[in-house]
Amino acid sequence: MLQIDLKYAVRFFDAGGLLTLLGDYWLLPAEFLILLAEAALYMWLFRDCPKRKAALYALSANLASFLLGLYLAKPVWRVVVDTML
C-alpha cells in the first residue's frame, strides 16, 4: 500500500518559501478578498438595509469564520493525515 506523508508534500511544493515564512497567516490575503466579495454581494442583496450594516455583517461573519478555521485547522488536518491509507 502507498502511504504519503503530506508534511513532506507541503515542504516539496513550498520548499521553505512564503508559506513557511508566514505560518498560518498566509491565509489572510485570501480572507481579505473573500471579505470584499461578500461585502459587495451583501450590499447588493440587502438593498433595503444600509450598506454599512451589510458590510459590517460581512466583516463579522468572515472574522468569526477565519478564527474558527484557524482553531480547527490543525486538529482536522491531523485527522486527515492519520486516516490516510
PDB file of N, CA and C in Angstrom:
ATOM      1  N   MET A   1       0.834  -1.171   0.000  1.00  0.00           N
ATOM      2  CA  MET A   1       0.000   0.000   0.000  1.00  0.00           C
ATOM      3  C   MET A   1       0.886   1.243   0.000  1.00  0.00           C
ATOM      4  N   LEU A   2       0.355   2.261  -0.636  1.00  0.00           N
ATOM      5  CA  LEU A   2       1.080   3.519  -0.746  1.00  0.00           C
ATOM      6  C   LEU A   2       0.689   4.445   0.398  1.00  0.00           C
ATOM      7  N   GLN A   3       1.679   4.897   1.129  1.00  0.00           N
ATOM      8  CA  GLN A   3       1.413   5.848   2.206  1.00  0.00           C
ATOM      9  C   GLN A   3       2.182   7.128   1.907  1.00  0.00           C
ATOM     10  N   ILE A   4       1.464   8.251   1.939  1.00  0.00           N
ATOM     11  CA  ILE A   4       2.063   9.536   1.614  1.00  0.00           C
ATOM     12  C   ILE A   4       2.105  10.385   2.872  1.00  0.00           C
ATOM     13  N   ASP A   5       3.261  10.936   3.170  1.00  0.00           N
ATOM     14  CA  ASP A   5       3.364  11.867   4.287  1.00  0.00           C
ATOM     15  C   ASP A   5       3.138  13.261   3.731  1.00  0.00           C
ATOM     16  N   LEU A   6       2.003  13.857   4.065  1.00  0.00           N
ATOM     17  CA  LEU A   6       1.636  15.142   3.487  1.00  0.00           C
ATOM     18  C   LEU A   6       2.544  16.273   3.947  1.00  0.00           C
ATOM     19  N   LYS A   7       3.183  16.103   5.094  1.00  0.00           N
ATOM     20  CA  LYS A   7       4.121  17.123   5.552  1.00  0.00           C
ATOM     21  C   LYS A   7       5.259  17.274   4.537  1.00  0.00           C
ATOM     22  N   TYR A   8       5.736  16.172   3.995  1.00  0.00           N
ATOM     23  CA  TYR A   8       6.798  16.245   3.001  1.00  0.00           C
ATOM     24  C   TYR A   8       6.291  16.799   1.673  1.00  0.00           C
ATOM     25  N   ALA A   9       5.033  16.513   1.357  1.00  0.00           N
ATOM     26  CA  ALA A   9       4.464  17.067   0.126  1.00  0.00           C
ATOM     27  C   ALA A   9       4.379  18.589   0.215  1.00  0.00           C
ATOM     28  N   VAL A  10       3.957  19.103   1.362  1.00  0.00           N
ATOM     29  CA  VAL A  10       3.891  20.553   1.536  1.00  0.00           C
ATOM     30  C   VAL A  10       5.283  21.153   1.467  1.00  0.00           C
ATOM     31  N   ARG A  11       6.261  20.507   2.090  1.00  0.00           N
ATOM     32  CA  ARG A  11       7.631  21.002   2.017  1.00  0.00           C
ATOM     33  C   ARG A  11       8.153  20.990   0.594  1.00  0.00           C
ATOM     34  N   PHE A  12       7.787  19.983  -0.187  1.00  0.00           N
ATOM     35  CA  PHE A  12       8.231  19.912  -1.567  1.00  0.00           C
ATOM     36  C   PHE A  12       7.676  21.073  -2.385  1.00  0.00           C
ATOM     37  N   PHE A  13       6.385  21.325  -2.248  1.00  0.00           N
ATOM     38  CA  PHE A  13       5.776  22.385  -3.052  1.00  0.00           C
ATOM     39  C   PHE A  13       6.153  23.774  -2.569  1.00  0.00           C
ATOM     40  N   ASP A  14       6.336  23.951  -1.260  1.00  0.00           N
ATOM     41  CA  ASP A  14       6.677  25.269  -0.735  1.00  0.00           C
ATOM     42  C   ASP A  14       8.185  25.477  -0.690  1.00  0.00           C
ATOM     43  N   ALA A  15       8.939  24.429  -0.412  1.00  0.00           N
ATOM     44  CA  ALA A  15      10.409  24.465  -0.378  1.00  0.00           C
ATOM     45  C   ALA A  15      10.932  25.568   0.545  1.00  0.00           C
ATOM     46  N   GLY A  16      10.314  25.711   1.723  1.00  0.00           N
ATOM     47  CA  GLY A  16      10.792  26.688   2.697  1.00  0.00           C
ATOM     48  C   GLY A  16      10.546  28.121   2.294  1.00  0.00           C
ATOM     49  N   GLY A  17       9.590  28.344   1.433  1.00  0.00           N
ATOM     50  CA  GLY A  17       9.340  29.675   0.915  1.00  0.00           C
ATOM     51  C   GLY A  17       8.326  30.452   1.718  1.00  0.00           C
ATOM     52  N   LEU A  18       7.428  31.088   1.015  1.00  0.00           N
ATOM     53  CA  LEU A  18       6.494  32.043   1.611  1.00  0.00           C
ATOM     54  C   LEU A  18       5.561  31.407   2.634  1.00  0.00           C
ATOM     55  N   LEU A  19       5.047  30.216   2.366  1.00  0.00           N
ATOM     56  CA  LEU A  19       4.110  29.593   3.304  1.00  0.00           C
ATOM     57  C   LEU A  19       4.779  29.282   4.632  1.00  0.00           C
ATOM     58  N   THR A  20       6.032  28.844   4.591  1.00  0.00           N
ATOM     59  CA  THR A  20       6.766  28.570   5.819  1.00  0.00           C
ATOM     60  C   THR A  20       7.031  29.857   6.574  1.00  0.00           C
ATOM     61  N   LEU A  21       7.371  30.914   5.863  1.00  0.00           N
ATOM     62  CA  LEU A  21       7.679  32.196   6.482  1.00  0.00           C
ATOM     63  C   LEU A  21       6.454  32.794   7.173  1.00  0.00           C
ATOM     64  N   LEU A  22       5.290  32.703   6.536  1.00  0.00           N
ATOM     65  CA  LEU A  22       4.086  33.327   7.074  1.00  0.00           C
ATOM     66  C   LEU A  22       3.334  32.438   8.062  1.00  0.00           C
ATOM     67  N   GLY A  23       3.624  31.165   8.107  1.00  0.00           N
ATOM     68  CA  GLY A  23       2.931  30.261   9.018  1.00  0.00           C
ATOM     69  C   GLY A  23       1.451  30.194   8.671  1.00  0.00           C
ATOM     70  N   ASP A  24       0.596  30.321   9.681  1.00  0.00           N
ATOM     71  CA  ASP A  24      -0.850  30.266   9.471  1.00  0.00           C
ATOM     72  C   ASP A  24      -1.394  31.527   8.833  1.00  0.00           C
ATOM     73  N   TYR A  25      -0.607  32.592   8.793  1.00  0.00           N
ATOM     74  CA  TYR A  25      -1.112  33.883   8.330  1.00  0.00           C
ATOM     75  C   TYR A  25      -1.086  34.049   6.817  1.00  0.00           C
ATOM     76  N   TRP A  26      -0.679  33.043   6.073  1.00  0.00           N
ATOM     77  CA  TRP A  26      -0.716  33.147   4.612  1.00  0.00           C
ATOM     78  C   TRP A  26      -2.152  33.131   4.103  1.00  0.00           C
ATOM     79  N   LEU A  27      -3.091  32.803   4.972  1.00  0.00           N
ATOM     80  CA  LEU A  27      -4.496  32.794   4.587  1.00  0.00           C
ATOM     81  C   LEU A  27      -5.118  34.199   4.586  1.00  0.00           C
ATOM     82  N   LEU A  28      -4.471  35.156   5.225  1.00  0.00           N
ATOM     83  CA  LEU A  28      -5.057  36.491   5.359  1.00  0.00           C
ATOM     84  C   LEU A  28      -5.372  37.168   4.030  1.00  0.00           C
ATOM     85  N   PRO A  29      -4.486  37.159   3.027  1.00  0.00           N
ATOM     86  CA  PRO A  29      -4.867  37.798   1.753  1.00  0.00           C
ATOM     87  C   PRO A  29      -6.100  37.156   1.109  1.00  0.00           C
ATOM     88  N   ALA A  30      -6.208  35.851   1.197  1.00  0.00           N
ATOM     89  CA  ALA A  30      -7.387  35.173   0.645  1.00  0.00           C
ATOM     90  C   ALA A  30      -8.639  35.573   1.418  1.00  0.00           C
ATOM     91  N   GLU A  31      -8.541  35.639   2.737  1.00  0.00           N
ATOM     92  CA  GLU A  31      -9.684  36.052   3.545  1.00  0.00           C
ATOM     93  C   GLU A  31     -10.096  37.486   3.234  1.00  0.00           C
ATOM     94  N   PHE A  32      -9.132  38.346   2.971  1.00  0.00           N
ATOM     95  CA  PHE A  32      -9.448  39.731   2.639  1.00  0.00           C
ATOM     96  C   PHE A  32     -10.212  39.820   1.319  1.00  0.00           C
ATOM     97  N   LEU A  33      -9.795  39.036   0.322  1.00  0.00           N
ATOM     98  CA  LEU A  33     -10.508  39.031  -0.961  1.00  0.00           C
ATOM     99  C   LEU A  33     -11.924  38.479  -0.803  1.00  0.00           C
ATOM    100  N   ILE A  34     -12.065  37.454   0.015  1.00  0.00           N
ATOM    101  CA  ILE A  34     -13.392  36.893   0.273  1.00  0.00           C
ATOM    102  C   ILE A  34     -14.266  37.924   0.987  1.00  0.00           C
ATOM    103  N   LEU A  35     -13.673  38.644   1.930  1.00  0.00           N
ATOM    104  CA  LEU A  35     -14.405  39.689   2.644  1.00  0.00           C
ATOM    105  C   LEU A  35     -14.927  40.750   1.683  1.00  0.00           C
ATOM    106  N   LEU A  36     -14.087  41.202   0.765  1.00  0.00           N
ATOM    107  CA  LEU A  36     -14.519  42.213  -0.202  1.00  0.00           C
ATOM    108  C   LEU A  36     -15.643  41.693  -1.096  1.00  0.00           C
ATOM    109  N   ALA A  37     -15.504  40.468  -1.559  1.00  0.00           N
ATOM    110  CA  ALA A  37     -16.527  39.887  -2.435  1.00  0.00           C
ATOM    111  C   ALA A  37     -17.854  39.718  -1.688  1.00  0.00           C
ATOM    112  N   GLU A  38     -17.790  39.224  -0.458  1.00  0.00           N
ATOM    113  CA  GLU A  38     -19.028  39.031   0.308  1.00  0.00           C
ATOM    114  C   GLU A  38     -19.660  40.366   0.690  1.00  0.00           C
ATOM    115  N   ALA A  39     -18.850  41.351   1.027  1.00  0.00           N
ATOM    116  CA  ALA A  39     -19.405  42.662   1.361  1.00  0.00           C
ATOM    117  C   ALA A  39     -20.141  43.243   0.164  1.00  0.00           C
ATOM    118  N   ALA A  40     -19.549  43.137  -1.021  1.00  0.00           N
ATOM    119  CA  ALA A  40     -20.215  43.635  -2.229  1.00  0.00           C
ATOM    120  C   ALA A  40     -21.504  42.868  -2.491  1.00  0.00           C
ATOM    121  N   LEU A  41     -21.460  41.547  -2.313  1.00  0.00           N
ATOM    122  CA  LEU A  41     -22.652  40.727  -2.524  1.00  0.00           C
ATOM    123  C   LEU A  41     -23.749  41.076  -1.522  1.00  0.00           C
ATOM    124  N   TYR A  42     -23.408  41.231  -0.240  1.00  0.00           N
ATOM    125  CA  TYR A  42     -24.406  41.572   0.777  1.00  0.00           C
ATOM    126  C   TYR A  42     -24.993  42.957   0.541  1.00  0.00           C
ATOM    127  N   MET A  43     -24.155  43.898   0.114  1.00  0.00           N
ATOM    128  CA  MET A  43     -24.680  45.240  -0.182  1.00  0.00           C
ATOM    129  C   MET A  43     -25.684  45.186  -1.333  1.00  0.00           C
ATOM    130  N   TRP A  44     -25.437  44.288  -2.285  1.00  0.00           N
ATOM    131  CA  TRP A  44     -26.345  44.162  -3.424  1.00  0.00           C
ATOM    132  C   TRP A  44     -27.612  43.397  -3.025  1.00  0.00           C
ATOM    133  N   LEU A  45     -27.448  42.322  -2.238  1.00  0.00           N
ATOM    134  CA  LEU A  45     -28.606  41.505  -1.852  1.00  0.00           C
ATOM    135  C   LEU A  45     -29.505  42.205  -0.832  1.00  0.00           C
ATOM    136  N   PHE A  46     -28.897  42.869   0.137  1.00  0.00           N
ATOM    137  CA  PHE A  46     -29.662  43.530   1.194  1.00  0.00           C
ATOM    138  C   PHE A  46     -29.813  45.010   0.871  1.00  0.00           C
ATOM    139  N   ARG A  47     -30.496  45.300  -0.199  1.00  0.00           N
ATOM    140  CA  ARG A  47     -30.656  46.693  -0.645  1.00  0.00           C
ATOM    141  C   ARG A  47     -31.513  47.515   0.303  1.00  0.00           C
ATOM    142  N   ASP A  48     -32.355  46.850   1.088  1.00  0.00           N
ATOM    143  CA  ASP A  48     -33.251  47.574   1.995  1.00  0.00           C
ATOM    144  C   ASP A  48     -32.532  48.108   3.235  1.00  0.00           C
ATOM    145  N   CYS A  49     -31.445  47.474   3.643  1.00  0.00           N
ATOM    146  CA  CYS A  49     -30.726  47.943   4.833  1.00  0.00           C
ATOM    147  C   CYS A  49     -29.531  48.804   4.403  1.00  0.00           C
ATOM    148  N   PRO A  50     -28.988  49.604   5.316  1.00  0.00           N
ATOM    149  CA  PRO A  50     -27.848  50.455   4.957  1.00  0.00           C
ATOM    150  C   PRO A  50     -26.639  49.636   4.513  1.00  0.00           C
ATOM    151  N   LYS A  51     -25.874  50.180   3.588  1.00  0.00           N
ATOM    152  CA  LYS A  51     -24.706  49.476   3.067  1.00  0.00           C
ATOM    153  C   LYS A  51     -23.672  49.223   4.156  1.00  0.00           C
ATOM    154  N   ARG A  52     -23.558  50.146   5.081  1.00  0.00           N
ATOM    155  CA  ARG A  52     -22.597  49.981   6.172  1.00  0.00           C
ATOM    156  C   ARG A  52     -22.944  48.758   7.024  1.00  0.00           C
ATOM    157  N   LYS A  53     -24.220  48.556   7.273  1.00  0.00           N
ATOM    158  CA  LYS A  53     -24.666  47.405   8.065  1.00  0.00           C
ATOM    159  C   LYS A  53     -24.370  46.099   7.330  1.00  0.00           C
ATOM    160  N   ALA A  54     -24.591  46.070   6.036  1.00  0.00           N
ATOM    161  CA  ALA A  54     -24.292  44.870   5.243  1.00  0.00           C
ATOM    162  C   ALA A  54     -22.792  44.592   5.242  1.00  0.00           C
ATOM    163  N   ALA A  55     -21.973  45.631   5.138  1.00  0.00           N
ATOM    164  CA  ALA A  55     -20.519  45.456   5.150  1.00  0.00           C
ATOM    165  C   ALA A  55     -20.041  44.974   6.518  1.00  0.00           C
ATOM    166  N   LEU A  56     -20.627  45.495   7.595  1.00  0.00           N
ATOM    167  CA  LEU A  56     -20.261  45.035   8.939  1.00  0.00           C
ATOM    168  C   LEU A  56     -20.679  43.582   9.166  1.00  0.00           C
ATOM    169  N   TYR A  57     -21.810  43.196   8.584  1.00  0.00           N
ATOM    170  CA  TYR A  57     -22.231  41.795   8.664  1.00  0.00           C
ATOM    171  C   TYR A  57     -21.208  40.900   7.971  1.00  0.00           C
ATOM    172  N   ALA A  58     -20.750  41.302   6.801  1.00  0.00           N
ATOM    173  CA  ALA A  58     -19.736  40.528   6.074  1.00  0.00           C
ATOM    174  C   ALA A  58     -18.446  40.456   6.873  1.00  0.00           C
ATOM    175  N   LEU A  59     -18.041  41.558   7.470  1.00  0.00           N
ATOM    176  CA  LEU A  59     -16.813  41.581   8.266  1.00  0.00           C
ATOM    177  C   LEU A  59     -16.914  40.662   9.470  1.00  0.00           C
ATOM    178  N   SER A  60     -18.012  40.743  10.208  1.00  0.00           N
ATOM    179  CA  SER A  60     -18.147  39.902  11.401  1.00  0.00           C
ATOM    180  C   SER A  60     -18.252  38.422  11.037  1.00  0.00           C
ATOM    181  N   ALA A  61     -18.970  38.101   9.976  1.00  0.00           N
ATOM    182  CA  ALA A  61     -19.096  36.701   9.562  1.00  0.00           C
ATOM    183  C   ALA A  61     -17.753  36.138   9.124  1.00  0.00           C
ATOM    184  N   ASN A  62     -16.983  36.905   8.376  1.00  0.00           N
ATOM    185  CA  ASN A  62     -15.679  36.431   7.923  1.00  0.00           C
ATOM    186  C   ASN A  62     -14.673  36.350   9.055  1.00  0.00           C
ATOM    187  N   LEU A  63     -14.717  37.269   9.983  1.00  0.00           N
ATOM    188  CA  LEU A  63     -13.811  37.215  11.123  1.00  0.00           C
ATOM    189  C   LEU A  63     -14.094  35.975  11.967  1.00  0.00           C
ATOM    190  N   ALA A  64     -15.358  35.704  12.232  1.00  0.00           N
ATOM    191  CA  ALA A  64     -15.718  34.507  13.001  1.00  0.00           C
ATOM    192  C   ALA A  64     -15.308  33.238  12.263  1.00  0.00           C
ATOM    193  N   SER A  65     -15.544  33.191  10.966  1.00  0.00           N
ATOM    194  CA  SER A  65     -15.171  32.029  10.165  1.00  0.00           C
ATOM    195  C   SER A  65     -13.664  31.832  10.137  1.00  0.00           C
ATOM    196  N   PHE A  66     -12.915  32.918   9.990  1.00  0.00           N
ATOM    197  CA  PHE A  66     -11.458  32.838   9.946  1.00  0.00           C
ATOM    198  C   PHE A  66     -10.890  32.336  11.272  1.00  0.00           C
ATOM    199  N   LEU A  67     -11.373  32.883  12.381  1.00  0.00           N
ATOM    200  CA  LEU A  67     -10.863  32.467  13.688  1.00  0.00           C
ATOM    201  C   LEU A  67     -11.216  31.012  13.985  1.00  0.00           C
ATOM    202  N   LEU A  68     -12.420  30.599  13.655  1.00  0.00           N
ATOM    203  CA  LEU A  68     -12.799  29.205  13.843  1.00  0.00           C
ATOM    204  C   LEU A  68     -11.964  28.288  12.952  1.00  0.00           C
ATOM    205  N   GLY A  69     -11.705  28.727  11.729  1.00  0.00           N
ATOM    206  CA  GLY A  69     -10.864  27.943  10.829  1.00  0.00           C
ATOM    207  C   GLY A  69      -9.449  27.783  11.335  1.00  0.00           C
ATOM    208  N   LEU A  70      -8.875  28.842  11.900  1.00  0.00           N
ATOM    209  CA  LEU A  70      -7.534  28.739  12.481  1.00  0.00           C
ATOM    210  C   LEU A  70      -7.525  27.774  13.660  1.00  0.00           C
ATOM    211  N   TYR A  71      -8.569  27.823  14.467  1.00  0.00           N
ATOM    212  CA  TYR A  71      -8.658  26.958  15.636  1.00  0.00           C
ATOM    213  C   TYR A  71      -8.808  25.483  15.242  1.00  0.00           C
ATOM    214  N   LEU A  72      -9.581  25.219  14.182  1.00  0.00           N
ATOM    215  CA  LEU A  72      -9.872  23.834  13.801  1.00  0.00           C
ATOM    216  C   LEU A  72      -8.932  23.254  12.750  1.00  0.00           C
ATOM    217  N   ALA A  73      -8.109  24.070  12.130  1.00  0.00           N
ATOM    218  CA  ALA A  73      -7.292  23.599  11.005  1.00  0.00           C
ATOM    219  C   ALA A  73      -6.352  22.472  11.405  1.00  0.00           C
ATOM    220  N   LYS A  74      -5.614  22.639  12.476  1.00  0.00           N
ATOM    221  CA  LYS A  74      -4.646  21.613  12.863  1.00  0.00           C
ATOM    222  C   LYS A  74      -5.297  20.308  13.324  1.00  0.00           C
ATOM    223  N   PRO A  75      -6.340  20.350  14.171  1.00  0.00           N
ATOM    224  CA  PRO A  75      -6.977  19.066  14.531  1.00  0.00           C
ATOM    225  C   PRO A  75      -7.595  18.338  13.331  1.00  0.00           C
ATOM    226  N   VAL A  76      -8.219  19.072  12.439  1.00  0.00           N
ATOM    227  CA  VAL A  76      -8.817  18.434  11.264  1.00  0.00           C
ATOM    228  C   VAL A  76      -7.722  17.869  10.362  1.00  0.00           C
ATOM    229  N   TRP A  77      -6.643  18.624  10.180  1.00  0.00           N
ATOM    230  CA  TRP A  77      -5.527  18.151   9.360  1.00  0.00           C
ATOM    231  C   TRP A  77      -4.924  16.889   9.958  1.00  0.00           C
ATOM    232  N   ARG A  78      -4.803  16.832  11.264  1.00  0.00           N
ATOM    233  CA  ARG A  78      -4.236  15.650  11.927  1.00  0.00           C
ATOM    234  C   ARG A  78      -5.123  14.437  11.693  1.00  0.00           C
ATOM    235  N   VAL A  79      -6.446  14.607  11.760  1.00  0.00           N
ATOM    236  CA  VAL A  79      -7.369  13.505  11.497  1.00  0.00           C
ATOM    237  C   VAL A  79      -7.213  13.032  10.052  1.00  0.00           C
ATOM    238  N   VAL A  80      -7.094  13.956   9.124  1.00  0.00           N
ATOM    239  CA  VAL A  80      -6.939  13.589   7.707  1.00  0.00           C
ATOM    240  C   VAL A  80      -5.649  12.812   7.498  1.00  0.00           C
ATOM    241  N   VAL A  81      -4.567  13.295   8.051  1.00  0.00           N
ATOM    242  CA  VAL A  81      -3.271  12.630   7.869  1.00  0.00           C
ATOM    243  C   VAL A  81      -3.252  11.267   8.546  1.00  0.00           C
ATOM    244  N   ASP A  82      -3.829  11.176   9.740  1.00  0.00           N
ATOM    245  CA  ASP A  82      -3.822   9.899  10.473  1.00  0.00           C
ATOM    246  C   ASP A  82      -4.692   8.839   9.823  1.00  0.00           C
ATOM    247  N   THR A  83      -5.713   9.241   9.081  1.00  0.00           N
ATOM    248  CA  THR A  83      -6.632   8.258   8.497  1.00  0.00           C
ATOM    249  C   THR A  83      -6.309   7.936   7.041  1.00  0.00           C
ATOM    250  N   MET A  84      -5.262   8.536   6.499  1.00  0.00           N
ATOM    251  CA  MET A  84      -4.918   8.243   5.099  1.00  0.00           C
ATOM    252  C   MET A  84      -4.358   6.829   4.972  1.00  0.00           C
ATOM    253  N   LEU A  85      -4.632   6.214   3.872  1.00  0.00           N
ATOM    254  CA  LEU A  85      -4.098   4.858   3.617  1.00  0.00           C
ATOM    255  C   LEU A  85      -2.718   4.942   3.055  1.00  0.00           C
TER     256      LEU A  85
END
